[in-house]
Protein backbone atom coordinates (compact mmCIF):
# COMPACT_ATOMS: atom_id res chain seq x y z
CA MET A 1 32.84 16.18 -43.81
CA ARG A 2 36.20 15.42 -45.13
CA TRP A 3 39.51 15.65 -43.41
CA ALA A 4 42.82 16.03 -43.47
CA GLU A 5 45.11 13.08 -42.09
CA ILE A 6 48.37 13.89 -41.29
CA ASN A 7 51.69 11.22 -40.57
CA ILE A 8 55.20 11.90 -39.30
CA ILE A 9 57.75 9.55 -39.40
CA THR A 10 59.71 10.55 -36.67
CA THR A 11 61.29 9.08 -33.73
CA GLU A 12 60.59 8.27 -30.43
CA GLU A 13 62.12 10.63 -28.49
CA ALA A 14 60.57 13.99 -30.88
CA ALA A 15 57.07 11.49 -30.38
CA ASP A 16 55.46 14.23 -27.78
CA LEU A 17 56.97 16.74 -29.04
CA ALA A 18 55.77 16.51 -32.62
CA ALA A 19 52.20 15.21 -31.25
CA ASN A 20 52.06 18.70 -29.01
CA ILE A 21 52.58 20.21 -32.27
CA MET A 22 50.08 18.93 -34.02
CA ILE A 23 47.40 19.27 -31.64
CA GLU A 24 48.06 23.20 -30.45
CA GLU A 25 47.44 23.36 -34.56
CA GLY A 26 43.93 21.73 -34.05
CA CYS A 27 44.27 18.64 -34.38
CA GLY A 28 42.31 17.43 -31.92
CA GLY A 29 43.91 14.13 -30.97
CA VAL A 30 47.14 11.99 -32.23
CA ALA A 31 47.83 8.41 -32.68
CA ILE A 32 51.12 7.39 -31.95
CA THR A 33 51.95 3.57 -32.39
CA GLY A 34 55.73 2.69 -32.92
CA PRO A 35 58.50 0.25 -30.83
CA HIS A 36 56.19 0.66 -27.64
CA ILE A 37 52.49 1.69 -29.00
CA ARG A 38 50.62 4.25 -27.03
CA ALA A 39 49.21 7.49 -27.82
CA ALA A 40 49.21 10.82 -27.68
CA GLU A 41 45.49 11.74 -27.62
CA SER A 42 43.55 8.85 -27.01
CA PRO A 43 44.53 6.09 -30.31
CA ASP A 44 41.26 6.58 -31.92
CA VAL A 45 43.52 5.90 -35.13
CA ILE A 46 45.96 2.70 -35.84
CA HIS A 47 48.18 2.32 -38.13
CA SER A 48 51.06 -0.34 -38.74
CA ASN A 49 54.19 1.18 -38.60
CA ASN A 50 57.38 -1.44 -39.62
CA ILE A 51 60.05 1.29 -40.03
CA PRO A 52 62.36 0.34 -37.17
CA GLY A 53 63.43 2.54 -35.07
CA GLN A 54 60.18 5.25 -35.99
CA THR A 55 57.54 6.34 -34.70
CA ARG A 56 54.08 7.47 -36.99
CA LEU A 57 52.18 10.31 -35.51
CA THR A 58 48.27 10.68 -37.22
CA GLY A 59 46.11 13.87 -37.23
CA TYR A 60 42.94 14.99 -38.23
CA ILE A 61 42.43 18.91 -39.48
CA PRO A 62 38.47 18.98 -41.15
CA VAL A 63 38.81 20.54 -44.55
CA GLY A 64 38.44 24.31 -44.18
CA ASP A 65 39.85 27.92 -45.00
CA GLU A 66 42.07 27.44 -42.56
CA LEU A 67 44.07 24.21 -43.50
CA GLU A 68 46.76 25.43 -44.86
CA GLY A 69 47.57 28.09 -42.60
CA LYS A 70 47.75 24.52 -40.39
CA LEU A 71 49.52 22.51 -42.02
CA ASP A 72 52.04 24.70 -42.86
CA ALA A 73 52.75 25.72 -39.33
CA ILE A 74 52.90 21.44 -37.91
CA ALA A 75 55.68 21.65 -40.60
CA VAL A 76 57.56 24.83 -39.52
CA ARG A 77 57.64 23.77 -36.09
CA PHE A 78 57.91 20.11 -36.67
CA ARG A 79 60.97 20.38 -38.73
CA GLY A 80 62.12 23.41 -36.31
CA LEU A 81 62.55 20.68 -33.77
CA ALA A 82 65.84 19.89 -35.39
CA GLU A 83 67.12 23.11 -34.95
CA THR A 84 66.65 22.44 -30.33
CA ASP A 85 68.64 19.36 -31.06
CA VAL A 86 65.90 17.41 -31.01
CA ASP A 87 66.35 14.24 -32.69
CA ILE A 88 63.83 13.89 -35.86
CA GLY A 89 64.73 11.17 -37.61
CA ARG A 90 63.40 11.09 -40.74
CA GLY A 91 60.87 13.94 -40.56
CA GLU A 92 58.27 12.71 -43.05
CA ILE A 93 54.80 14.62 -43.64
CA ALA A 94 52.40 13.46 -45.50
CA ILE A 95 48.72 14.58 -45.86
CA LYS A 96 45.60 12.55 -47.78
CA LEU A 97 42.34 13.47 -47.41
CA VAL A 98 39.34 10.74 -45.57
CA GLU A 99 35.98 11.50 -45.47
CA ASP A 100 34.38 11.09 -41.58
CA LYS A 101 33.44 6.87 -42.36
CA ASP A 102 36.68 6.13 -42.98
CA TRP A 103 37.89 7.75 -39.77
CA ALA A 104 34.84 6.15 -37.74
CA SER A 105 35.71 2.88 -38.89
CA ALA A 106 39.53 2.92 -37.80
CA TRP A 107 38.90 4.54 -34.66
CA ARG A 108 36.29 1.78 -33.58
CA SER A 109 38.03 -0.95 -33.72
CA PHE A 110 40.56 -0.07 -31.36
CA PHE A 111 38.62 1.93 -28.42
CA LYS A 112 38.97 0.05 -25.40
CA PRO A 113 37.19 0.53 -22.08
CA VAL A 114 39.69 2.14 -20.16
CA ARG A 115 40.38 2.37 -16.21
CA ILE A 116 41.49 4.98 -13.94
CA GLY A 117 40.48 4.37 -9.94
CA LYS A 118 37.13 4.04 -10.08
CA VAL A 119 36.19 5.09 -13.36
CA LEU A 120 35.59 3.11 -16.09
CA ILE A 121 35.39 4.48 -19.56
CA CYS A 122 33.32 1.77 -21.61
CA PRO A 123 32.74 2.87 -25.32
CA SER A 124 29.53 3.27 -25.54
CA TRP A 125 28.32 0.43 -28.29
CA GLU A 126 30.34 -2.18 -25.60
CA LYS A 127 28.84 -3.09 -22.60
CA PRO A 128 31.04 -3.08 -19.74
CA ASN A 129 32.64 -5.44 -17.51
CA ALA A 130 32.63 -2.99 -14.19
CA GLU A 131 33.23 -4.10 -10.74
CA PRO A 132 30.17 -3.11 -8.97
CA SER A 133 31.95 -0.02 -6.71
CA ASP A 134 32.84 1.09 -10.58
CA LEU A 135 31.98 4.81 -11.95
CA VAL A 136 31.16 3.90 -15.59
CA VAL A 137 31.45 6.73 -18.25
CA ARG A 138 29.48 4.97 -21.43
CA ILE A 139 31.58 7.72 -24.31
CA ASP A 140 31.26 8.50 -27.93
CA PRO A 141 33.45 9.73 -28.77
CA GLY A 142 33.15 10.92 -32.14
CA MET A 143 36.04 13.54 -34.10
CA ALA A 144 35.74 14.87 -30.54
CA PHE A 145 38.44 12.10 -29.77
CA GLY A 146 38.86 11.54 -25.77
CA THR A 147 38.36 8.35 -24.89
CA GLY A 148 40.45 8.25 -21.75
CA ASN A 149 43.45 6.85 -22.62
CA HIS A 150 46.04 9.85 -22.76
CA PRO A 151 48.09 10.38 -20.49
CA THR A 152 46.32 13.64 -19.50
CA THR A 153 43.51 12.78 -19.07
CA LYS A 154 44.79 10.16 -16.70
CA LEU A 155 46.12 11.65 -14.65
CA CYS A 156 43.20 14.47 -14.77
CA LEU A 157 41.16 11.80 -13.59
CA ALA A 158 43.01 10.80 -10.78
CA ALA A 159 43.24 14.46 -9.40
CA ILE A 160 39.65 14.83 -9.80
CA GLN A 161 39.07 10.97 -7.82
CA LYS A 162 42.00 12.36 -5.76
CA HIS A 163 40.61 16.13 -4.91
CA LEU A 164 37.26 16.91 -5.86
CA ARG A 165 34.77 16.76 -2.70
CA LYS A 166 30.83 15.92 -3.26
CA GLY A 167 29.12 19.16 -3.60
CA ASP A 168 31.61 20.92 -4.91
CA LYS A 169 30.88 23.74 -7.62
CA VAL A 170 33.09 22.62 -10.83
CA LEU A 171 34.47 24.36 -13.78
CA ASP A 172 36.07 22.22 -16.98
CA VAL A 173 37.85 23.91 -20.00
CA GLY A 174 37.94 21.86 -22.76
CA THR A 175 35.44 19.48 -21.82
CA GLY A 176 35.78 18.12 -25.36
CA SER A 177 33.56 14.71 -25.34
CA GLY A 178 33.23 15.10 -21.80
CA ILE A 179 35.00 12.63 -19.70
CA LEU A 180 36.51 14.70 -17.36
CA ALA A 181 33.19 16.68 -16.40
CA ILE A 182 30.81 13.20 -16.50
CA ALA A 183 33.37 11.58 -14.33
CA ALA A 184 33.05 15.16 -11.70
CA ALA A 185 28.91 14.37 -11.62
CA LYS A 186 29.66 10.70 -11.49
CA LEU A 187 31.80 11.45 -7.99
CA GLY A 188 29.52 13.95 -6.25
CA ALA A 189 29.89 17.38 -7.48
CA LYS A 190 26.79 19.77 -7.17
CA HIS A 191 27.06 21.63 -10.94
CA ILE A 192 29.94 21.66 -13.51
CA THR A 193 30.51 24.66 -16.58
CA ALA A 194 32.37 22.73 -19.45
CA THR A 195 33.34 24.76 -21.95
CA GLU A 196 34.86 23.21 -25.32
CA ILE A 197 36.11 25.89 -28.38
CA GLU A 198 35.64 23.47 -31.34
CA GLN A 199 31.50 22.95 -32.23
CA MET A 200 31.92 18.94 -33.22
CA ALA A 201 33.32 18.36 -29.82
CA VAL A 202 30.76 20.33 -28.08
CA GLU A 203 27.64 18.45 -29.63
CA ALA A 204 29.90 14.82 -28.78
CA ALA A 205 30.31 16.28 -25.30
CA TYR A 206 26.56 17.24 -25.27
CA ARG A 207 25.51 13.42 -26.70
CA ASN A 208 27.67 11.95 -24.34
CA PHE A 209 26.47 13.59 -20.98
CA ARG A 210 22.38 12.86 -21.76
CA ARG A 211 23.89 9.53 -22.19
CA ASN A 212 25.18 9.29 -18.71
CA ARG A 213 22.58 11.19 -17.15
CA VAL A 214 24.04 13.72 -15.82
CA ASP A 215 22.97 16.51 -18.67
CA HIS A 216 20.72 18.05 -15.53
CA LYS A 217 23.96 18.65 -13.73
CA ILE A 218 26.19 20.14 -16.15
CA SER A 219 26.18 23.24 -18.29
CA LEU A 220 27.93 23.27 -21.68
CA HIS A 221 29.72 26.57 -23.34
CA HIS A 222 30.60 26.90 -26.73
CA THR A 223 33.18 29.42 -26.04
CA ASP A 224 37.19 29.74 -25.99
CA SER A 225 37.65 31.59 -22.37
CA PRO A 226 34.94 30.72 -19.13
CA LEU A 227 35.47 34.24 -17.75
CA GLY A 228 32.06 35.62 -17.27
CA LEU A 229 30.33 32.09 -16.93
CA ALA A 230 31.13 31.04 -13.70
CA ASP A 231 31.70 32.44 -10.25
CA ASP A 232 32.40 30.25 -6.94
CA ILE A 233 34.52 27.36 -8.46
CA ASP A 234 35.34 25.48 -6.35
CA PHE A 235 37.45 23.38 -8.17
CA ALA A 236 38.86 24.19 -11.65
CA VAL A 237 40.35 22.05 -14.20
CA ALA A 238 41.94 22.63 -17.67
CA ASN A 239 43.31 19.92 -20.17
CA ILE A 240 43.81 21.80 -22.72
CA THR A 241 47.60 22.89 -23.80
CA ALA A 242 49.81 24.68 -22.12
CA ASP A 243 49.22 28.48 -24.13
CA PRO A 244 46.19 29.18 -23.35
CA ILE A 245 46.05 28.01 -20.54
CA ILE A 246 48.36 30.67 -20.41
CA LYS A 247 46.33 33.30 -21.29
CA MET A 248 43.42 32.03 -19.49
CA ARG A 249 44.79 32.59 -15.91
CA ASP A 250 43.26 35.94 -15.28
CA ALA A 251 39.28 34.42 -16.10
CA PHE A 252 41.10 31.15 -13.68
CA ARG A 253 41.32 33.89 -10.95
CA GLU A 254 38.43 35.15 -11.53
CA SER A 255 36.39 32.31 -11.62
CA ILE A 256 37.67 29.80 -8.33
CA ARG A 257 36.79 30.85 -5.03
CA CYS A 258 39.65 31.25 -2.67
CA ASP A 259 40.92 28.31 -1.31
CA GLY A 260 39.40 26.49 -4.05
CA LEU A 261 41.46 24.18 -6.94
CA LEU A 262 43.16 24.82 -10.11
CA VAL A 263 43.81 21.31 -11.80
CA ILE A 264 46.19 21.96 -15.63
CA SER A 265 47.58 19.80 -18.08
CA GLY A 266 48.16 18.78 -21.83
CA ILE A 267 51.58 19.98 -20.47
CA VAL A 268 54.65 18.46 -21.91
CA THR A 269 57.11 18.73 -19.14
CA GLU A 270 59.69 20.94 -21.22
CA ARG A 271 56.76 23.82 -20.46
CA ALA A 272 55.55 23.01 -16.63
CA ASN A 273 57.68 24.98 -15.41
CA GLU A 274 56.93 28.35 -17.92
CA VAL A 275 53.09 27.48 -17.34
CA ALA A 276 53.65 27.23 -13.61
CA GLU A 277 54.92 30.36 -12.71
CA LYS A 278 52.14 32.15 -14.82
CA ILE A 279 49.63 30.71 -13.39
CA SER A 280 51.46 31.80 -9.58
CA GLU A 281 51.84 35.65 -10.92
CA VAL A 282 48.27 35.68 -10.98
CA GLY A 283 47.55 33.71 -6.70
CA PHE A 284 47.30 31.14 -6.67
CA LYS A 285 49.73 28.39 -5.38
CA GLN A 286 51.56 25.63 -6.63
CA VAL A 287 50.48 22.00 -4.43
CA GLU A 288 51.08 18.67 -6.12
CA ALA A 289 52.40 17.42 -10.12
CA ALA A 290 52.57 14.16 -11.23
CA THR A 291 54.03 12.99 -14.69
CA ASP A 292 53.02 10.75 -17.13
CA ASP A 293 55.49 10.06 -20.47
CA ASP A 294 56.57 13.47 -20.75
CA TRP A 295 53.01 15.13 -19.85
CA VAL A 296 52.67 16.91 -16.76
CA VAL A 297 49.79 17.56 -14.38
CA VAL A 298 49.56 20.14 -12.35
CA ILE A 299 47.93 21.11 -8.94
CA PHE A 300 47.43 25.18 -7.48
CA ARG A 301 45.14 26.43 -4.68
CA ARG A 302 43.89 29.84 -5.45
CA GLU A 303 45.26 31.85 -2.37
CA ALA A 304 44.67 35.22 -3.15
């Protein structure tokens, strides 16, 4: 398979907003490099960036019939940030085609173990330096991009460790490489219903469920909505983006039992209030929120 590699040169101020645009338009993840290196959805690919005061964003979209439309949408939305008084700096966008093997050699050199609470996420090809009390999640993300380094993944893992109870029925919407579902299984969830829209992520998640020996606890569905897949859910998590979360709000209401919890993330702080209001309109009450960089996680309880 071939991929379109998208590189955007912008300011640190605009980086998170631009990364969110890239993810919403089809990039499974975005690597950010600049004065302060961090990742907007796993640091899967790192490029040297020698441009003073500027930040580089790198993301990938599979080559296909919809590629041109997605690339146009990224360019229009990114340059539109300047009209909202966001300084986008040079605002350069460059596209090139790459093969799977070129991608693999780049991100494998950077993906290292990451610890969130007592959960240790480790590449499948490395031996973890784990403590006896650690819950080790072995991951080979493939092209699914999820490595646990993104702020929203960390926020969701913290929420799971804080609020998930042994024996809970769990819903994981947009499972990606399967990190959250695996962590929930190892933390004592009775059963997890996991959904994912991208076929390659479904394949990566299935392999990771088997790799961690939790596949017997997880039902994996290739779909864009959890509606009708599970009911009486005790704990649901959706680490995707704002618009799909809003579209799924009725599905969340139908799936989650009264007094059950819904954890949403993948949302930039600028849209947090909008999303929270939409979720509250269908019978959920916000009980907690946390931020990391420009990303937010919000926890709701279903009231009626």
